[in-house]
N, C-alpha and C. Protein backbone atom coordinates (compact mmCIF):
# COMPACT_ATOMS: atom_id res chain seq x y z
N MET A 1 0.85 -1.18 0.00
CA MET A 1 0.00 0.00 0.00
C MET A 1 0.90 1.24 0.00
N ASP A 2 0.66 2.17 -0.94
CA ASP A 2 1.53 3.36 -0.99
C ASP A 2 1.04 4.44 -0.02
N ARG A 3 1.81 5.50 0.07
CA ARG A 3 1.54 6.55 1.06
C ARG A 3 0.25 7.32 0.79
N THR A 4 -0.17 7.38 -0.47
CA THR A 4 -1.38 8.16 -0.80
C THR A 4 -2.65 7.38 -0.50
N THR A 5 -2.64 6.06 -0.65
CA THR A 5 -3.87 5.30 -0.40
C THR A 5 -4.07 4.94 1.06
N ARG A 6 -2.98 4.86 1.81
CA ARG A 6 -3.09 4.48 3.23
C ARG A 6 -3.98 5.43 4.03
N PRO A 7 -3.81 6.75 3.93
CA PRO A 7 -4.72 7.65 4.67
C PRO A 7 -6.17 7.49 4.23
N LEU A 8 -6.39 7.20 2.94
CA LEU A 8 -7.77 7.00 2.46
C LEU A 8 -8.39 5.76 3.07
N VAL A 9 -7.61 4.69 3.19
CA VAL A 9 -8.11 3.45 3.80
C VAL A 9 -8.44 3.68 5.27
N ILE A 10 -7.55 4.38 5.96
CA ILE A 10 -7.79 4.68 7.39
C ILE A 10 -9.04 5.54 7.53
N PHE A 11 -9.20 6.56 6.68
CA PHE A 11 -10.37 7.43 6.74
C PHE A 11 -11.65 6.63 6.46
N ALA A 12 -11.59 5.75 5.45
CA ALA A 12 -12.77 4.95 5.09
C ALA A 12 -13.17 4.03 6.25
N ALA A 13 -12.18 3.43 6.91
CA ALA A 13 -12.47 2.56 8.06
C ALA A 13 -13.10 3.37 9.19
N PHE A 14 -12.56 4.55 9.45
CA PHE A 14 -13.11 5.42 10.50
C PHE A 14 -14.54 5.83 10.17
N ALA A 15 -14.78 6.27 8.93
CA ALA A 15 -16.12 6.70 8.51
C ALA A 15 -17.11 5.56 8.61
N GLY A 16 -16.68 4.35 8.20
CA GLY A 16 -17.55 3.18 8.28
C GLY A 16 -17.95 2.86 9.70
N SER A 17 -16.98 2.90 10.62
CA SER A 17 -17.29 2.61 12.02
C SER A 17 -18.18 3.69 12.62
N LEU A 18 -18.01 4.94 12.17
CA LEU A 18 -18.85 6.03 12.64
C LEU A 18 -20.31 5.82 12.22
N VAL A 19 -20.51 5.40 10.98
CA VAL A 19 -21.87 5.15 10.48
C VAL A 19 -22.52 4.01 11.25
N VAL A 20 -21.79 2.92 11.45
CA VAL A 20 -22.33 1.77 12.20
C VAL A 20 -22.71 2.20 13.62
N GLY A 21 -21.82 2.95 14.27
CA GLY A 21 -22.10 3.43 15.62
C GLY A 21 -23.32 4.32 15.68
N LEU A 22 -23.48 5.19 14.68
CA LEU A 22 -24.62 6.10 14.62
C LEU A 22 -25.93 5.33 14.44
N VAL A 23 -25.92 4.33 13.57
CA VAL A 23 -27.12 3.51 13.35
C VAL A 23 -27.52 2.78 14.64
N ILE A 24 -26.53 2.21 15.34
CA ILE A 24 -26.82 1.52 16.61
C ILE A 24 -27.38 2.49 17.64
N MET A 25 -26.79 3.68 17.72
CA MET A 25 -27.26 4.68 18.69
C MET A 25 -28.69 5.12 18.37
N LEU A 26 -28.97 5.38 17.10
CA LEU A 26 -30.33 5.79 16.71
C LEU A 26 -31.34 4.70 17.02
N TRP A 27 -30.96 3.44 16.77
CA TRP A 27 -31.87 2.33 17.09
C TRP A 27 -32.13 2.27 18.58
N ALA A 28 -31.06 2.39 19.38
CA ALA A 28 -31.19 2.30 20.84
C ALA A 28 -32.06 3.42 21.39
N LEU A 29 -32.03 4.58 20.76
CA LEU A 29 -32.84 5.71 21.23
C LEU A 29 -34.22 5.74 20.59
N GLY A 30 -34.51 4.75 19.75
CA GLY A 30 -35.84 4.67 19.15
C GLY A 30 -36.00 5.51 17.89
N GLY A 31 -34.91 6.02 17.35
CA GLY A 31 -35.00 6.90 16.18
C GLY A 31 -35.17 6.18 14.86
N LEU A 32 -35.08 4.86 14.85
CA LEU A 32 -35.23 4.12 13.59
C LEU A 32 -36.53 3.33 13.55
N ARG A 33 -37.51 3.75 14.31
CA ARG A 33 -38.77 3.00 14.38
C ARG A 33 -39.41 2.76 13.02
N SER A 34 -39.47 3.82 12.21
CA SER A 34 -40.19 3.69 10.95
C SER A 34 -39.32 3.11 9.83
N VAL A 35 -38.01 3.00 10.05
CA VAL A 35 -37.12 2.52 9.01
C VAL A 35 -36.93 1.01 9.08
N THR A 36 -36.84 0.47 10.28
CA THR A 36 -36.54 -0.95 10.41
C THR A 36 -37.80 -1.77 10.69
N ALA A 37 -37.76 -3.02 10.28
CA ALA A 37 -38.87 -3.93 10.57
C ALA A 37 -38.82 -4.30 12.05
N PRO A 38 -39.99 -4.62 12.64
CA PRO A 38 -39.99 -4.99 14.05
C PRO A 38 -39.11 -6.23 14.30
N ALA A 39 -38.34 -6.18 15.36
CA ALA A 39 -37.48 -7.31 15.69
C ALA A 39 -38.31 -8.43 16.30
N ALA A 40 -37.82 -9.65 16.16
CA ALA A 40 -38.52 -10.81 16.73
C ALA A 40 -38.20 -10.90 18.22
N ILE A 41 -38.81 -10.01 18.98
CA ILE A 41 -38.60 -9.96 20.43
C ILE A 41 -39.96 -10.12 21.10
N GLY A 42 -40.03 -11.01 22.06
CA GLY A 42 -41.29 -11.27 22.76
C GLY A 42 -41.82 -12.64 22.38
N GLY A 43 -42.89 -13.02 23.06
CA GLY A 43 -43.50 -14.32 22.79
C GLY A 43 -44.29 -14.80 23.99
N PRO A 44 -44.83 -16.01 23.89
CA PRO A 44 -45.66 -16.54 24.97
C PRO A 44 -44.89 -16.71 26.28
N PHE A 45 -45.56 -16.39 27.39
CA PHE A 45 -44.99 -16.66 28.71
C PHE A 45 -46.11 -16.83 29.72
N GLN A 46 -45.78 -17.47 30.82
CA GLN A 46 -46.71 -17.63 31.94
C GLN A 46 -45.91 -17.49 33.23
N LEU A 47 -46.14 -16.37 33.93
CA LEU A 47 -45.43 -16.08 35.16
C LEU A 47 -46.43 -15.72 36.25
N THR A 48 -45.93 -15.43 37.43
CA THR A 48 -46.78 -15.08 38.57
C THR A 48 -46.41 -13.69 39.05
N ASN A 49 -47.44 -12.86 39.33
CA ASN A 49 -47.11 -11.51 39.82
C ASN A 49 -46.93 -11.51 41.33
N GLN A 50 -46.69 -10.34 41.90
CA GLN A 50 -46.35 -10.24 43.31
C GLN A 50 -47.52 -10.55 44.25
N THR A 51 -48.73 -10.64 43.69
CA THR A 51 -49.87 -11.01 44.53
C THR A 51 -50.27 -12.47 44.32
N GLY A 52 -49.47 -13.21 43.54
CA GLY A 52 -49.74 -14.63 43.32
C GLY A 52 -50.61 -14.94 42.12
N GLN A 53 -51.03 -13.90 41.36
CA GLN A 53 -51.88 -14.13 40.19
C GLN A 53 -51.03 -14.51 38.98
N VAL A 54 -51.57 -15.41 38.16
CA VAL A 54 -50.88 -15.83 36.94
C VAL A 54 -51.03 -14.72 35.90
N VAL A 55 -49.93 -14.37 35.25
CA VAL A 55 -49.93 -13.36 34.18
C VAL A 55 -49.30 -14.00 32.95
N THR A 56 -49.98 -13.89 31.82
CA THR A 56 -49.45 -14.44 30.57
C THR A 56 -49.23 -13.30 29.57
N ASP A 57 -48.67 -13.64 28.43
CA ASP A 57 -48.41 -12.65 27.39
C ASP A 57 -49.70 -12.01 26.87
N THR A 58 -50.86 -12.64 27.08
CA THR A 58 -52.11 -12.04 26.62
C THR A 58 -52.42 -10.75 27.38
N ALA A 59 -51.82 -10.56 28.56
CA ALA A 59 -52.02 -9.34 29.34
C ALA A 59 -51.42 -8.12 28.64
N LEU A 60 -50.53 -8.34 27.68
CA LEU A 60 -49.92 -7.24 26.96
C LEU A 60 -50.86 -6.63 25.92
N LYS A 61 -51.90 -7.37 25.54
CA LYS A 61 -52.81 -6.91 24.49
C LYS A 61 -53.71 -5.78 24.99
N GLY A 62 -53.84 -4.75 24.17
CA GLY A 62 -54.77 -3.66 24.47
C GLY A 62 -54.13 -2.45 25.14
N LYS A 63 -52.91 -2.60 25.64
CA LYS A 63 -52.22 -1.48 26.29
C LYS A 63 -50.76 -1.49 25.86
N PRO A 64 -50.14 -0.31 25.74
CA PRO A 64 -48.69 -0.31 25.58
C PRO A 64 -48.06 -0.83 26.88
N THR A 65 -46.91 -1.45 26.75
CA THR A 65 -46.27 -2.10 27.90
C THR A 65 -44.80 -1.73 27.99
N LEU A 66 -44.36 -1.42 29.22
CA LEU A 66 -42.95 -1.26 29.51
C LEU A 66 -42.50 -2.49 30.29
N ILE A 67 -41.40 -3.11 29.88
CA ILE A 67 -40.89 -4.30 30.56
C ILE A 67 -39.42 -4.07 30.89
N PHE A 68 -39.08 -4.32 32.15
CA PHE A 68 -37.69 -4.24 32.59
C PHE A 68 -37.33 -5.55 33.27
N PHE A 69 -36.20 -6.12 32.90
CA PHE A 69 -35.71 -7.36 33.49
C PHE A 69 -34.64 -7.03 34.52
N GLY A 70 -34.77 -7.59 35.72
CA GLY A 70 -33.78 -7.32 36.76
C GLY A 70 -33.97 -8.27 37.93
N PHE A 71 -33.51 -7.87 39.11
CA PHE A 71 -33.65 -8.74 40.28
C PHE A 71 -33.63 -7.89 41.55
N THR A 72 -34.25 -8.38 42.59
CA THR A 72 -34.47 -7.58 43.80
C THR A 72 -33.19 -7.33 44.59
N HIS A 73 -32.15 -8.12 44.40
CA HIS A 73 -30.88 -7.90 45.11
C HIS A 73 -29.93 -7.01 44.32
N CYS A 74 -30.41 -6.44 43.23
CA CYS A 74 -29.60 -5.58 42.36
C CYS A 74 -29.24 -4.29 43.12
N PRO A 75 -27.96 -3.94 43.15
CA PRO A 75 -27.56 -2.79 43.97
C PRO A 75 -27.85 -1.41 43.39
N ASP A 76 -27.87 -1.27 42.06
CA ASP A 76 -28.00 0.08 41.53
C ASP A 76 -28.86 0.21 40.27
N VAL A 77 -28.56 -0.53 39.22
CA VAL A 77 -29.25 -0.36 37.95
C VAL A 77 -30.76 -0.60 38.07
N CYS A 78 -31.15 -1.67 38.75
CA CYS A 78 -32.57 -2.01 38.85
C CYS A 78 -33.37 -0.98 39.64
N PRO A 79 -32.95 -0.62 40.87
CA PRO A 79 -33.74 0.38 41.58
C PRO A 79 -33.78 1.72 40.86
N THR A 80 -32.68 2.08 40.20
CA THR A 80 -32.67 3.35 39.45
C THR A 80 -33.66 3.30 38.30
N SER A 81 -33.64 2.21 37.52
CA SER A 81 -34.56 2.08 36.38
C SER A 81 -36.01 2.03 36.84
N LEU A 82 -36.29 1.31 37.92
CA LEU A 82 -37.67 1.22 38.42
C LEU A 82 -38.14 2.57 38.97
N PHE A 83 -37.24 3.32 39.58
CA PHE A 83 -37.58 4.67 40.04
C PHE A 83 -37.92 5.55 38.84
N GLU A 84 -37.10 5.47 37.77
CA GLU A 84 -37.34 6.29 36.58
C GLU A 84 -38.65 5.90 35.91
N ILE A 85 -38.97 4.60 35.84
CA ILE A 85 -40.26 4.16 35.29
C ILE A 85 -41.39 4.70 36.16
N SER A 86 -41.22 4.64 37.47
CA SER A 86 -42.23 5.16 38.40
C SER A 86 -42.49 6.65 38.16
N GLU A 87 -41.42 7.40 37.91
CA GLU A 87 -41.56 8.84 37.65
C GLU A 87 -42.33 9.10 36.34
N VAL A 88 -42.09 8.26 35.33
CA VAL A 88 -42.82 8.39 34.06
C VAL A 88 -44.30 8.08 34.28
N LEU A 89 -44.59 7.02 35.03
CA LEU A 89 -45.98 6.66 35.31
C LEU A 89 -46.68 7.76 36.09
N LYS A 90 -45.98 8.36 37.05
CA LYS A 90 -46.55 9.47 37.81
C LYS A 90 -46.85 10.65 36.90
N ALA A 91 -45.92 10.93 35.97
CA ALA A 91 -46.10 12.04 35.03
C ALA A 91 -47.27 11.81 34.07
N MET A 92 -47.67 10.55 33.89
CA MET A 92 -48.79 10.23 32.99
C MET A 92 -50.14 10.53 33.62
N GLY A 93 -50.17 10.71 34.93
CA GLY A 93 -51.45 10.97 35.60
C GLY A 93 -52.38 9.78 35.46
N LYS A 94 -53.66 10.06 35.16
CA LYS A 94 -54.66 8.98 35.05
C LYS A 94 -54.38 8.04 33.88
N ASP A 95 -53.63 8.53 32.88
CA ASP A 95 -53.30 7.67 31.73
C ASP A 95 -52.39 6.51 32.11
N ALA A 96 -51.78 6.56 33.30
CA ALA A 96 -50.94 5.44 33.74
C ALA A 96 -51.76 4.16 33.88
N ASP A 97 -53.07 4.30 34.11
CA ASP A 97 -53.95 3.12 34.20
C ASP A 97 -54.08 2.42 32.85
N ARG A 98 -53.70 3.10 31.77
CA ARG A 98 -53.84 2.54 30.42
C ARG A 98 -52.53 1.96 29.91
N VAL A 99 -51.57 1.74 30.83
CA VAL A 99 -50.25 1.22 30.48
C VAL A 99 -49.93 0.01 31.37
N ASN A 100 -49.30 -1.00 30.81
CA ASN A 100 -48.74 -2.10 31.61
C ASN A 100 -47.28 -1.76 31.92
N ALA A 101 -46.85 -2.06 33.13
CA ALA A 101 -45.45 -1.90 33.49
C ALA A 101 -45.03 -3.12 34.29
N TYR A 102 -44.07 -3.89 33.74
CA TYR A 102 -43.65 -5.14 34.36
C TYR A 102 -42.16 -5.13 34.70
N PHE A 103 -41.87 -5.64 35.87
CA PHE A 103 -40.50 -5.89 36.32
C PHE A 103 -40.37 -7.41 36.37
N ILE A 104 -39.64 -8.01 35.42
CA ILE A 104 -39.54 -9.47 35.33
C ILE A 104 -38.20 -9.90 35.91
N SER A 105 -38.25 -10.83 36.85
CA SER A 105 -37.05 -11.28 37.55
C SER A 105 -36.17 -12.15 36.67
N VAL A 106 -34.85 -11.93 36.78
CA VAL A 106 -33.86 -12.81 36.16
C VAL A 106 -33.26 -13.73 37.23
N ASP A 107 -33.82 -13.67 38.45
CA ASP A 107 -33.28 -14.41 39.60
C ASP A 107 -34.41 -15.13 40.34
N PRO A 108 -35.04 -16.13 39.69
CA PRO A 108 -36.18 -16.80 40.31
C PRO A 108 -35.83 -17.53 41.61
N GLU A 109 -34.56 -17.85 41.79
CA GLU A 109 -34.12 -18.55 43.00
C GLU A 109 -34.43 -17.74 44.26
N ARG A 110 -34.22 -16.42 44.19
CA ARG A 110 -34.47 -15.56 45.35
C ARG A 110 -35.75 -14.74 45.22
N ASP A 111 -36.15 -14.44 43.98
CA ASP A 111 -37.28 -13.54 43.77
C ASP A 111 -38.61 -14.29 43.75
N THR A 112 -39.09 -14.60 44.93
CA THR A 112 -40.43 -15.19 45.07
C THR A 112 -41.46 -14.08 44.89
N ALA A 113 -42.72 -14.45 44.79
CA ALA A 113 -43.78 -13.44 44.70
C ALA A 113 -43.75 -12.53 45.93
N ALA A 114 -43.51 -13.09 47.10
CA ALA A 114 -43.47 -12.30 48.34
C ALA A 114 -42.29 -11.32 48.32
N ALA A 115 -41.13 -11.78 47.83
CA ALA A 115 -39.96 -10.90 47.74
C ALA A 115 -40.21 -9.76 46.76
N MET A 116 -40.87 -10.08 45.65
CA MET A 116 -41.20 -9.06 44.65
C MET A 116 -42.18 -8.04 45.23
N LYS A 117 -43.17 -8.52 45.98
CA LYS A 117 -44.17 -7.62 46.58
C LYS A 117 -43.50 -6.64 47.54
N ASP A 118 -42.62 -7.15 48.37
CA ASP A 118 -41.92 -6.32 49.33
C ASP A 118 -41.03 -5.29 48.60
N TYR A 119 -40.31 -5.74 47.61
CA TYR A 119 -39.39 -4.88 46.88
C TYR A 119 -40.14 -3.76 46.14
N LEU A 120 -41.25 -4.11 45.49
CA LEU A 120 -41.98 -3.14 44.67
C LEU A 120 -42.79 -2.15 45.49
N SER A 121 -42.90 -2.38 46.79
CA SER A 121 -43.66 -1.44 47.64
C SER A 121 -43.01 -0.05 47.65
N SER A 122 -41.77 0.04 47.21
CA SER A 122 -41.06 1.33 47.17
C SER A 122 -41.27 2.09 45.86
N PHE A 123 -42.00 1.48 44.92
CA PHE A 123 -42.14 2.09 43.60
C PHE A 123 -43.61 2.31 43.26
N ASP A 124 -43.86 2.85 42.06
CA ASP A 124 -45.23 3.14 41.63
C ASP A 124 -46.10 1.89 41.70
N PRO A 125 -47.32 2.02 42.21
CA PRO A 125 -48.19 0.84 42.36
C PRO A 125 -48.62 0.20 41.03
N HIS A 126 -48.42 0.89 39.91
CA HIS A 126 -48.75 0.28 38.61
C HIS A 126 -47.75 -0.81 38.22
N LEU A 127 -46.56 -0.77 38.80
CA LEU A 127 -45.53 -1.76 38.46
C LEU A 127 -45.89 -3.13 39.02
N GLN A 128 -45.89 -4.12 38.14
CA GLN A 128 -46.11 -5.51 38.58
C GLN A 128 -44.80 -6.27 38.48
N GLY A 129 -44.49 -7.03 39.51
CA GLY A 129 -43.32 -7.89 39.49
C GLY A 129 -43.71 -9.27 39.04
N LEU A 130 -43.00 -9.82 38.06
CA LEU A 130 -43.30 -11.15 37.55
C LEU A 130 -42.13 -12.09 37.81
N THR A 131 -42.46 -13.28 38.28
CA THR A 131 -41.44 -14.30 38.52
C THR A 131 -42.07 -15.67 38.23
N GLY A 132 -41.30 -16.71 38.42
CA GLY A 132 -41.79 -18.05 38.17
C GLY A 132 -40.71 -19.05 38.46
N ASP A 133 -40.94 -20.30 38.07
CA ASP A 133 -39.89 -21.29 38.28
C ASP A 133 -38.78 -21.03 37.25
N PRO A 134 -37.58 -21.59 37.49
CA PRO A 134 -36.45 -21.29 36.59
C PRO A 134 -36.74 -21.58 35.12
N GLU A 135 -37.51 -22.61 34.84
CA GLU A 135 -37.81 -22.95 33.45
C GLU A 135 -38.69 -21.88 32.79
N ALA A 136 -39.71 -21.41 33.51
CA ALA A 136 -40.59 -20.37 32.98
C ALA A 136 -39.84 -19.06 32.77
N VAL A 137 -38.97 -18.72 33.71
CA VAL A 137 -38.17 -17.50 33.59
C VAL A 137 -37.20 -17.63 32.43
N ALA A 138 -36.54 -18.77 32.28
CA ALA A 138 -35.61 -18.98 31.17
C ALA A 138 -36.32 -18.82 29.83
N LYS A 139 -37.56 -19.27 29.76
CA LYS A 139 -38.33 -19.18 28.51
C LYS A 139 -38.59 -17.71 28.13
N VAL A 140 -38.99 -16.89 29.11
CA VAL A 140 -39.27 -15.48 28.80
C VAL A 140 -37.96 -14.73 28.51
N LEU A 141 -36.88 -15.09 29.19
CA LEU A 141 -35.59 -14.45 28.91
C LEU A 141 -35.16 -14.73 27.47
N SER A 142 -35.36 -15.95 27.03
CA SER A 142 -35.02 -16.34 25.67
C SER A 142 -35.90 -15.60 24.66
N ALA A 143 -37.20 -15.52 24.93
CA ALA A 143 -38.13 -14.87 24.00
C ALA A 143 -37.81 -13.38 23.83
N TYR A 144 -37.33 -12.75 24.90
CA TYR A 144 -37.02 -11.32 24.85
C TYR A 144 -35.53 -11.04 24.61
N ARG A 145 -34.78 -12.11 24.34
CA ARG A 145 -33.35 -12.01 24.05
C ARG A 145 -32.60 -11.28 25.17
N VAL A 146 -32.91 -11.66 26.39
CA VAL A 146 -32.29 -11.05 27.56
C VAL A 146 -31.07 -11.85 27.98
N TYR A 147 -29.95 -11.16 28.12
CA TYR A 147 -28.74 -11.78 28.65
C TYR A 147 -28.85 -11.78 30.17
N SER A 148 -28.54 -12.92 30.79
CA SER A 148 -28.57 -13.03 32.24
C SER A 148 -27.58 -14.11 32.67
N LYS A 149 -26.74 -13.77 33.66
CA LYS A 149 -25.75 -14.73 34.12
C LYS A 149 -25.51 -14.57 35.61
N LYS A 150 -25.50 -15.68 36.31
CA LYS A 150 -25.21 -15.70 37.74
C LYS A 150 -23.71 -15.51 37.94
N VAL A 151 -23.33 -14.57 38.82
CA VAL A 151 -21.92 -14.27 39.08
C VAL A 151 -21.63 -14.48 40.57
N PRO A 152 -20.84 -15.50 40.90
CA PRO A 152 -20.52 -15.76 42.31
C PRO A 152 -19.72 -14.61 42.93
N LEU A 153 -19.99 -14.37 44.22
CA LEU A 153 -19.24 -13.36 44.97
C LEU A 153 -18.33 -14.06 45.97
N LYS A 154 -17.32 -13.36 46.47
CA LYS A 154 -16.34 -13.95 47.37
C LYS A 154 -16.94 -14.50 48.66
N ASP A 155 -18.02 -13.88 49.14
CA ASP A 155 -18.61 -14.30 50.42
C ASP A 155 -19.55 -15.50 50.28
N GLY A 156 -19.60 -16.10 49.08
CA GLY A 156 -20.47 -17.25 48.86
C GLY A 156 -21.82 -16.88 48.30
N ASP A 157 -22.16 -15.60 48.31
CA ASP A 157 -23.41 -15.11 47.72
C ASP A 157 -23.22 -14.98 46.21
N TYR A 158 -24.17 -14.41 45.52
CA TYR A 158 -24.02 -14.17 44.08
C TYR A 158 -24.79 -12.93 43.67
N THR A 159 -24.44 -12.41 42.51
CA THR A 159 -25.18 -11.33 41.89
C THR A 159 -25.54 -11.78 40.48
N MET A 160 -26.24 -10.93 39.75
CA MET A 160 -26.66 -11.28 38.39
C MET A 160 -26.21 -10.20 37.42
N ASP A 161 -25.54 -10.60 36.34
CA ASP A 161 -25.33 -9.70 35.20
C ASP A 161 -26.55 -9.86 34.31
N HIS A 162 -27.05 -8.76 33.78
CA HIS A 162 -28.25 -8.89 32.94
C HIS A 162 -28.41 -7.69 32.01
N THR A 163 -29.19 -7.88 30.97
CA THR A 163 -29.57 -6.82 30.05
C THR A 163 -30.35 -5.77 30.83
N ALA A 164 -30.06 -4.50 30.59
CA ALA A 164 -30.71 -3.43 31.37
C ALA A 164 -31.53 -2.49 30.49
N LEU A 165 -32.12 -3.01 29.42
CA LEU A 165 -32.99 -2.20 28.56
C LEU A 165 -34.40 -2.15 29.14
N ILE A 166 -35.12 -1.09 28.83
CA ILE A 166 -36.56 -1.06 29.07
C ILE A 166 -37.21 -1.32 27.72
N TYR A 167 -37.98 -2.39 27.62
CA TYR A 167 -38.62 -2.77 26.37
C TYR A 167 -39.97 -2.06 26.26
N LEU A 168 -40.22 -1.44 25.11
CA LEU A 168 -41.53 -0.86 24.82
C LEU A 168 -42.26 -1.78 23.85
N MET A 169 -43.42 -2.27 24.29
CA MET A 169 -44.26 -3.13 23.46
C MET A 169 -45.52 -2.35 23.11
N ASP A 170 -46.04 -2.52 21.89
CA ASP A 170 -47.24 -1.79 21.49
C ASP A 170 -48.50 -2.48 22.01
N ARG A 171 -49.66 -1.95 21.63
CA ARG A 171 -50.95 -2.47 22.13
C ARG A 171 -51.24 -3.90 21.65
N ASP A 172 -50.52 -4.35 20.63
CA ASP A 172 -50.69 -5.72 20.14
C ASP A 172 -49.66 -6.67 20.76
N GLY A 173 -48.83 -6.15 21.66
CA GLY A 173 -47.82 -6.99 22.30
C GLY A 173 -46.56 -7.18 21.47
N HIS A 174 -46.37 -6.32 20.45
CA HIS A 174 -45.18 -6.40 19.61
C HIS A 174 -44.13 -5.40 20.07
N PHE A 175 -42.88 -5.82 19.97
CA PHE A 175 -41.77 -4.95 20.36
C PHE A 175 -41.69 -3.74 19.45
N VAL A 176 -41.56 -2.54 20.05
CA VAL A 176 -41.41 -1.31 19.29
C VAL A 176 -39.94 -0.90 19.26
N SER A 177 -39.36 -0.71 20.45
CA SER A 177 -37.97 -0.26 20.57
C SER A 177 -37.59 -0.23 22.04
N PRO A 178 -36.30 -0.06 22.34
CA PRO A 178 -35.95 0.22 23.73
C PRO A 178 -36.56 1.57 24.10
N PHE A 179 -37.06 1.69 25.33
CA PHE A 179 -37.68 2.93 25.76
C PHE A 179 -36.64 3.80 26.46
N ASN A 180 -36.50 5.02 25.99
CA ASN A 180 -35.47 5.92 26.47
C ASN A 180 -35.92 6.64 27.75
N LEU A 181 -35.22 6.41 28.85
CA LEU A 181 -35.53 7.10 30.10
C LEU A 181 -34.56 8.24 30.38
N LYS A 182 -33.62 8.48 29.48
CA LYS A 182 -32.64 9.54 29.69
C LYS A 182 -33.18 10.87 29.18
N ARG A 183 -34.29 11.27 29.75
CA ARG A 183 -34.96 12.54 29.46
C ARG A 183 -35.88 12.82 30.63
N THR A 184 -36.59 13.94 30.59
CA THR A 184 -37.46 14.23 31.74
C THR A 184 -38.62 13.25 31.77
N PRO A 185 -39.19 12.96 32.95
CA PRO A 185 -40.36 12.09 33.03
C PRO A 185 -41.51 12.59 32.16
N GLN A 186 -41.66 13.91 32.06
CA GLN A 186 -42.74 14.48 31.25
C GLN A 186 -42.54 14.17 29.77
N GLU A 187 -41.30 14.29 29.30
CA GLU A 187 -41.00 13.97 27.89
C GLU A 187 -41.24 12.50 27.61
N ALA A 188 -40.79 11.64 28.51
CA ALA A 188 -40.99 10.19 28.33
C ALA A 188 -42.47 9.84 28.38
N ALA A 189 -43.22 10.49 29.28
CA ALA A 189 -44.67 10.23 29.38
C ALA A 189 -45.39 10.66 28.11
N THR A 190 -45.00 11.80 27.55
CA THR A 190 -45.60 12.27 26.30
C THR A 190 -45.34 11.28 25.18
N ASP A 191 -44.12 10.75 25.12
CA ASP A 191 -43.78 9.75 24.11
C ASP A 191 -44.63 8.49 24.30
N LEU A 192 -44.74 8.02 25.54
CA LEU A 192 -45.50 6.80 25.82
C LEU A 192 -46.98 6.96 25.47
N LYS A 193 -47.52 8.15 25.69
CA LYS A 193 -48.95 8.39 25.40
C LYS A 193 -49.28 8.22 23.93
N ARG A 194 -48.25 8.34 23.06
CA ARG A 194 -48.51 8.15 21.62
C ARG A 194 -48.93 6.72 21.30
N TYR A 195 -48.65 5.80 22.20
CA TYR A 195 -48.96 4.37 21.95
C TYR A 195 -50.28 3.93 22.60
N LEU A 196 -50.96 4.85 23.29
CA LEU A 196 -52.23 4.49 23.95
C LEU A 196 -53.31 4.17 22.94
């Protein structure tokens, strides 16, 4: 490669990576909704909420839905995300009754219905915690393409690495995009109301 083409190759590689990064960022922020086909995310599930009631994927029909996967022993990301979802629901006023909001456990070993009920008492009452046996949880994690891994700690306990997206599903239960919480609760609520 001579001296004149080498800078062009380096520039082309840089420009290509910039474009790829921009496309990924726009998708993550929901800016490519009308350009891309809906991803194959979601599917049938049967879990139990924090009051012991069975909840299936049919509950997603008729309302837009926010879904966050996490666990009750999560030190920071989960409580922060659930607080932010709670703030959006509060900003929606009475329209919050027209939205589903689910916190689905990636840690069924510790997250019983009772543990979920206790944990969610600190957040908006519209939030439902869903859990189940390991097989049922594994099925929903697979359907939503959620990464989750048990990580042992030195004291014999463990934590969970997991996907930290908020999934926005439309009134038909189809995935729309990751829901952006990095804005004011009022802005996020206005965006969510478009799906009512």
